[in-house]
Amino acid sequence: MRVLSFESRQGGVSETRLGVARDDGVVDITARDPDLRSLREILRQGALPRLAEIAAAAPADHGLEDIQYLPPVPDPERIICIGVNYVNRNAEYRDNSDLPKYPSVFLRTRESLVGHARPIIRPHESTHLDYEGEIAIVIGKQGRRISERDAHEHVAGLTVVNEGSVRDWMRHGKFNVTQGKNFESTGASGPWMTTSDEIGHDYENLRVTTRVNGEVRQNDTTDNLLFSFRYLIHYLSTFMRLNPGDLISTGTPNGAGARFDPPRFLAAGDRVEVEVPGVGILHNEVSDESPTDG
């Protein structure tokens, strides 16, 4: 099942709605049950089967191209990001360093991500906006000190992320990248969350491909991860409680724009497409921040 969040205007007021995507369009779940409008709350209640039941019995209400997509979980408590998590990505640094013993972890704010087919914004302060295609885990069941063996029980599904980065601002601090990872609307997630029952629990052979204006820039599989999905859930839950709707963005392969010589950063009008077969294709165009935006 492909579960998405989208925006609807009713009487001039914008509201978040929940839908299920099918090949023939989108079933508006909220139109049939107004209490079902928050994916995070659905996951907390364990109510995904109810969505499947409604979607199976209902016609599509909207075309896939006719809605305004939001991130699948518009209001996560946490967006947890993993840095340098592909073997080739570590080698890309060319610093002769050993492979890391533990994951590199940082957090993003929810305002830093937009939905599928919405503009990614290059801020006034930088021309160094970069792309990072990734697979994100959506947590479905809360837990602390989760074992690797049981990790799959806590996965609601997967989504696709462009974990956009403002490279020069990532280097403002000596040991952190937070500034360059949290400019508003510089990344994206979507178009939906594909539930784990469709993907299965074999996360070791998922491919992520990033294209910029149709040119393949990143292409790798999760078989080359330094830290597996199961290990990440185990490791992160050791020091924080994972809650329904939390996102874990699992790292990007080599080929980001910063690693070209000269660098190939994003400019207004560029189209970034991140594809994970069996999960979804996320695409966004880049826009420069409006001079009136504050």
Protein backbone atom coordinates (compact mmCIF):
# COMPACT_ATOMS: atom_id res chain seq x y z
CA MET A 1 0.00 0.00 0.00
CA ARG A 2 1.23 3.49 -0.87
CA VAL A 3 0.09 6.00 1.77
CA LEU A 4 0.47 9.72 1.16
CA SER A 5 -0.38 13.08 2.67
CA PHE A 6 -1.66 15.91 0.53
CA GLU A 7 -3.06 19.40 0.78
CA SER A 8 -6.64 20.33 0.03
CA ARG A 9 -8.35 23.70 0.09
CA GLN A 10 -11.84 23.73 1.53
CA GLY A 11 -13.60 27.09 1.59
CA GLY A 12 -10.29 28.90 1.20
CA VAL A 13 -8.72 27.02 4.12
CA SER A 14 -5.84 24.60 3.53
CA GLU A 15 -5.97 21.26 5.31
CA THR A 16 -3.88 18.09 5.40
CA ARG A 17 -5.54 14.96 4.09
CA LEU A 18 -4.55 11.31 3.94
CA GLY A 19 -4.70 9.23 0.79
CA VAL A 20 -3.80 5.89 -0.71
CA ALA A 21 -2.16 5.96 -4.14
CA ARG A 22 -3.15 3.38 -6.76
CA ASP A 23 -2.36 3.10 -10.45
CA ASP A 24 -5.73 4.70 -11.25
CA GLY A 25 -5.31 7.63 -8.86
CA VAL A 26 -5.62 8.61 -5.21
CA VAL A 27 -8.31 7.45 -2.80
CA ASP A 28 -9.11 10.30 -0.39
CA ILE A 29 -9.23 8.48 2.96
CA THR A 30 -10.06 11.63 4.95
CA ALA A 31 -13.16 12.27 2.79
CA ARG A 32 -14.53 8.93 3.98
CA ASP A 33 -13.41 9.19 7.60
CA PRO A 34 -12.52 12.72 8.79
CA ASP A 35 -10.70 11.27 11.79
CA LEU A 36 -8.13 9.69 9.46
CA ARG A 37 -5.94 12.57 8.38
CA SER A 38 -2.58 12.12 10.15
CA LEU A 39 -0.26 9.30 9.13
CA ARG A 40 1.70 9.68 12.34
CA GLU A 41 -1.50 9.17 14.35
CA ILE A 42 -2.54 6.24 12.15
CA LEU A 43 0.79 4.56 12.87
CA ARG A 44 0.50 5.29 16.59
CA GLN A 45 -2.91 3.60 16.62
CA GLY A 46 -1.82 0.68 14.44
CA ALA A 47 -4.61 1.58 12.03
CA LEU A 48 -2.97 0.91 8.65
CA PRO A 49 -5.31 -2.06 8.01
CA ARG A 50 -8.25 0.36 8.22
CA LEU A 51 -6.74 2.44 5.39
CA ALA A 52 -6.32 -0.67 3.26
CA GLU A 53 -9.93 -1.64 3.91
CA ILE A 54 -11.24 1.77 2.83
CA ALA A 55 -9.00 1.96 -0.24
CA ALA A 56 -10.01 -1.51 -1.41
CA ALA A 57 -13.69 -0.57 -1.46
CA ALA A 58 -13.48 2.96 -2.88
CA PRO A 59 -12.96 4.53 -6.31
CA ALA A 60 -10.09 6.96 -6.90
CA ASP A 61 -10.97 10.59 -6.15
CA HIS A 62 -7.99 12.40 -7.66
CA GLY A 63 -5.44 11.87 -10.39
CA LEU A 64 -1.86 11.29 -9.23
CA GLU A 65 -0.83 14.53 -10.96
CA ASP A 66 -3.73 16.58 -9.57
CA ILE A 67 -2.88 16.82 -5.87
CA GLN A 68 -0.46 18.97 -3.90
CA TYR A 69 1.82 16.45 -2.23
CA LEU A 70 3.10 16.90 1.31
CA PRO A 71 5.87 14.80 2.87
CA PRO A 72 4.26 11.43 3.71
CA VAL A 73 4.66 12.23 7.41
CA PRO A 74 4.28 16.03 7.47
CA ASP A 75 4.79 16.32 11.23
CA PRO A 76 7.42 13.80 12.38
CA GLU A 77 8.80 14.18 15.86
CA ARG A 78 12.26 13.48 14.46
CA ILE A 79 14.03 13.31 11.11
CA ILE A 80 17.21 11.39 11.89
CA CYS A 81 19.88 11.44 9.19
CA ILE A 82 22.87 9.17 8.72
CA GLY A 83 26.04 10.50 7.10
CA VAL A 84 28.66 8.65 5.03
CA ASN A 85 26.88 5.29 5.10
CA TYR A 86 27.91 3.76 1.76
CA VAL A 87 31.33 2.13 1.34
CA ASN A 88 32.04 4.12 -1.83
CA ARG A 89 30.93 7.32 -0.13
CA ASN A 90 33.57 6.89 2.57
CA ALA A 91 36.22 6.33 -0.11
CA GLU A 92 35.02 9.49 -1.87
CA TYR A 93 36.57 11.60 0.90
CA ARG A 94 40.07 10.41 -0.12
CA ASP A 95 41.44 10.98 3.37
CA ASN A 96 42.76 7.43 3.87
CA SER A 97 40.55 7.08 6.91
CA ASP A 98 39.40 3.72 8.22
CA LEU A 99 35.78 2.76 7.88
CA PRO A 100 33.80 4.23 10.80
CA LYS A 101 32.91 2.01 13.75
CA TYR A 102 29.61 3.79 14.41
CA PRO A 103 27.15 5.81 12.33
CA SER A 104 27.40 9.58 11.92
CA VAL A 105 24.07 11.04 13.07
CA PHE A 106 22.43 14.46 12.73
CA LEU A 107 18.88 15.81 12.79
CA ARG A 108 16.76 17.81 10.38
CA THR A 109 13.67 19.91 11.08
CA ARG A 110 10.37 19.09 9.42
CA GLU A 111 10.35 22.53 7.71
CA SER A 112 13.50 21.59 5.78
CA LEU A 113 11.60 19.04 3.64
CA VAL A 114 8.88 19.61 1.05
CA GLY A 115 6.66 17.08 -0.69
CA HIS A 116 6.92 15.41 -4.07
CA ALA A 117 6.69 17.73 -7.11
CA ARG A 118 7.00 20.84 -4.92
CA PRO A 119 9.85 23.32 -5.45
CA ILE A 120 13.11 22.88 -3.56
CA ILE A 121 14.36 26.32 -2.60
CA ARG A 122 17.93 27.56 -3.04
CA PRO A 123 18.33 30.16 -0.26
CA HIS A 124 19.63 33.72 -0.65
CA GLU A 125 22.70 32.92 1.39
CA SER A 126 24.32 30.32 -0.87
CA THR A 127 24.83 29.02 -4.40
CA HIS A 128 26.03 25.64 -3.04
CA LEU A 129 22.73 23.75 -2.86
CA ASP A 130 23.39 20.04 -3.43
CA TYR A 131 21.32 16.86 -3.82
CA GLU A 132 21.55 13.61 -1.84
CA GLY A 133 19.28 10.76 -2.89
CA GLU A 134 18.38 8.46 0.01
CA ILE A 135 16.00 5.82 1.31
CA ALA A 136 14.20 6.68 4.55
CA ILE A 137 12.71 4.28 7.08
CA VAL A 138 9.36 5.29 8.57
CA ILE A 139 9.03 3.97 12.11
CA GLY A 140 5.69 2.31 12.78
CA LYS A 141 5.98 1.12 16.36
CA GLN A 142 7.72 2.83 19.27
CA GLY A 143 10.65 1.18 20.92
CA ARG A 144 13.81 1.55 22.95
CA ARG A 145 16.89 -0.72 22.82
CA ILE A 146 15.46 -2.61 19.85
CA SER A 147 17.47 -5.66 18.82
CA GLU A 148 18.60 -6.09 15.22
CA ARG A 149 16.61 -9.32 15.13
CA ASP A 150 13.37 -7.48 15.97
CA ALA A 151 14.07 -4.26 14.07
CA HIS A 152 11.75 -5.09 11.15
CA GLU A 153 8.79 -5.16 13.54
CA HIS A 154 9.23 -1.41 14.04
CA VAL A 155 9.24 -0.46 10.34
CA ALA A 156 5.96 0.83 8.90
CA GLY A 157 7.44 1.35 5.46
CA LEU A 158 9.95 3.21 3.35
CA THR A 159 9.94 6.51 1.51
CA VAL A 160 12.34 8.38 -0.77
CA VAL A 161 14.30 11.45 0.32
CA ASN A 162 16.39 14.10 -1.38
CA GLU A 163 18.41 15.09 1.66
CA GLY A 164 19.38 18.48 0.20
CA SER A 165 22.46 20.20 1.57
CA VAL A 166 23.79 23.75 1.55
CA ARG A 167 27.45 22.75 1.40
CA ASP A 168 29.25 25.92 2.45
CA TRP A 169 27.01 26.31 5.51
CA MET A 170 27.80 22.71 6.51
CA ARG A 171 31.37 23.87 7.12
CA HIS A 172 30.60 26.82 9.40
CA GLY A 173 31.12 24.74 12.52
CA LYS A 174 34.15 22.61 13.31
CA PHE A 175 32.33 19.36 14.07
CA ASN A 176 28.72 19.73 12.89
CA VAL A 177 26.71 19.99 9.67
CA THR A 178 23.40 21.13 11.18
CA GLN A 179 23.33 24.62 9.65
CA GLY A 180 23.67 23.41 6.07
CA LYS A 181 21.10 20.66 6.54
CA ASN A 182 18.22 22.76 7.82
CA PHE A 183 17.53 25.65 5.49
CA GLU A 184 13.80 25.72 4.90
CA SER A 185 12.53 23.69 1.91
CA THR A 186 15.98 22.58 0.74
CA GLY A 187 15.12 18.85 0.71
CA ALA A 188 12.13 16.67 -0.06
CA SER A 189 10.47 13.37 0.85
CA GLY A 190 7.81 11.31 -0.88
CA PRO A 191 5.86 10.80 -2.94
CA TRP A 192 4.41 8.35 -0.42
CA MET A 193 5.28 5.74 2.16
CA THR A 194 5.27 2.24 0.68
CA THR A 195 4.29 -0.14 3.45
CA SER A 196 6.70 -2.82 4.55
CA ASP A 197 4.39 -5.68 3.57
CA GLU A 198 4.91 -4.68 -0.10
CA ILE A 199 8.68 -4.43 0.26
CA GLY A 200 9.30 -7.37 2.56
CA HIS A 201 12.00 -7.38 5.19
CA ASP A 202 14.95 -7.87 2.85
CA TYR A 203 16.42 -4.38 2.84
CA GLU A 204 19.85 -5.46 1.56
CA ASN A 205 19.26 -5.08 -2.17
CA LEU A 206 17.37 -1.84 -2.67
CA ARG A 207 18.69 0.45 -5.38
CA VAL A 208 18.73 4.25 -5.13
CA THR A 209 19.36 6.32 -8.25
CA THR A 210 19.55 10.11 -8.46
CA ARG A 211 19.19 11.98 -11.73
CA VAL A 212 19.69 15.70 -12.34
CA ASN A 213 18.04 16.92 -15.55
CA GLY A 214 17.93 13.29 -16.68
CA GLU A 215 21.64 12.59 -16.04
CA VAL A 216 22.41 9.79 -13.59
CA ARG A 217 24.57 11.19 -10.77
CA GLN A 218 24.13 8.56 -8.02
CA ASN A 219 23.46 4.84 -8.39
CA ASP A 220 24.08 2.24 -5.69
CA THR A 221 22.38 -0.45 -3.64
CA THR A 222 21.87 -0.97 0.06
CA ASP A 223 24.09 -4.04 -0.21
CA ASN A 224 26.93 -1.50 0.05
CA LEU A 225 25.74 0.14 3.26
CA LEU A 226 28.25 0.38 6.09
CA PHE A 227 25.40 0.18 8.62
CA SER A 228 22.29 -1.78 7.69
CA PHE A 229 18.73 -0.65 8.30
CA ARG A 230 18.42 -3.16 11.12
CA TYR A 231 21.62 -1.96 12.76
CA LEU A 232 20.59 1.69 12.47
CA ILE A 233 17.29 1.01 14.25
CA HIS A 234 19.13 -0.91 16.96
CA TYR A 235 21.85 1.72 17.38
CA LEU A 236 19.59 4.77 17.39
CA SER A 237 17.07 3.19 19.76
CA THR A 238 19.87 2.62 22.27
CA PHE A 239 20.01 6.32 23.11
CA MET A 240 16.60 7.60 21.98
CA ARG A 241 13.11 6.21 21.93
CA LEU A 242 11.93 5.78 18.36
CA ASN A 243 8.31 6.79 17.88
CA PRO A 244 5.71 6.19 15.15
CA GLY A 245 6.26 8.58 12.25
CA ASP A 246 9.95 9.16 12.95
CA LEU A 247 12.07 9.13 9.79
CA ILE A 248 15.54 7.62 9.52
CA SER A 249 17.22 8.81 6.33
CA THR A 250 19.81 6.12 5.76
CA GLY A 251 22.59 7.88 3.84
CA THR A 252 23.47 8.78 0.26
CA PRO A 253 25.72 7.05 -2.29
CA ASN A 254 28.69 8.73 -3.91
CA GLY A 255 28.13 11.17 -6.76
CA ALA A 256 26.80 14.27 -4.97
CA GLY A 257 27.50 17.53 -6.77
CA ALA A 258 30.14 18.63 -4.29
CA ARG A 259 32.37 15.69 -5.29
CA PHE A 260 32.77 16.72 -8.93
CA ASP A 261 35.74 18.83 -10.07
CA PRO A 262 34.56 21.52 -10.42
CA PRO A 263 31.50 21.00 -8.17
CA ARG A 264 28.12 20.73 -9.86
CA PHE A 265 25.70 22.44 -7.53
CA LEU A 266 22.00 22.90 -8.24
CA ALA A 267 20.59 25.99 -9.91
CA ALA A 268 17.09 27.32 -10.49
CA GLY A 269 15.25 25.22 -13.07
CA ASP A 270 17.17 21.99 -12.36
CA ARG A 271 15.04 18.89 -11.90
CA VAL A 272 16.17 16.32 -9.34
CA GLU A 273 14.71 12.83 -9.48
CA VAL A 274 15.41 10.13 -6.89
CA GLU A 275 14.17 6.63 -7.68
CA VAL A 276 13.96 3.56 -5.46
CA PRO A 277 12.27 0.72 -7.39
CA GLY A 278 9.43 -0.76 -5.41
CA VAL A 279 9.23 2.34 -3.19
CA GLY A 280 8.72 5.33 -5.46
CA ILE A 281 10.12 8.13 -7.61
CA LEU A 282 10.52 11.54 -5.98
CA HIS A 283 11.03 14.54 -8.22
CA ASN A 284 11.37 18.26 -7.53
CA GLU A 285 12.49 21.33 -9.42
CA VAL A 286 14.81 23.92 -7.90
CA SER A 287 13.71 27.51 -7.45
CA ASP A 288 15.64 30.48 -6.12
CA GLU A 289 14.24 31.98 -2.96
CA SER A 290 12.01 34.93 -3.66
CA PRO A 291 13.49 38.31 -2.66
CA THR A 292 10.40 38.88 -0.54
CA ASP A 293 10.79 35.67 1.45
CA GLY A 294 12.00 36.26 5.01
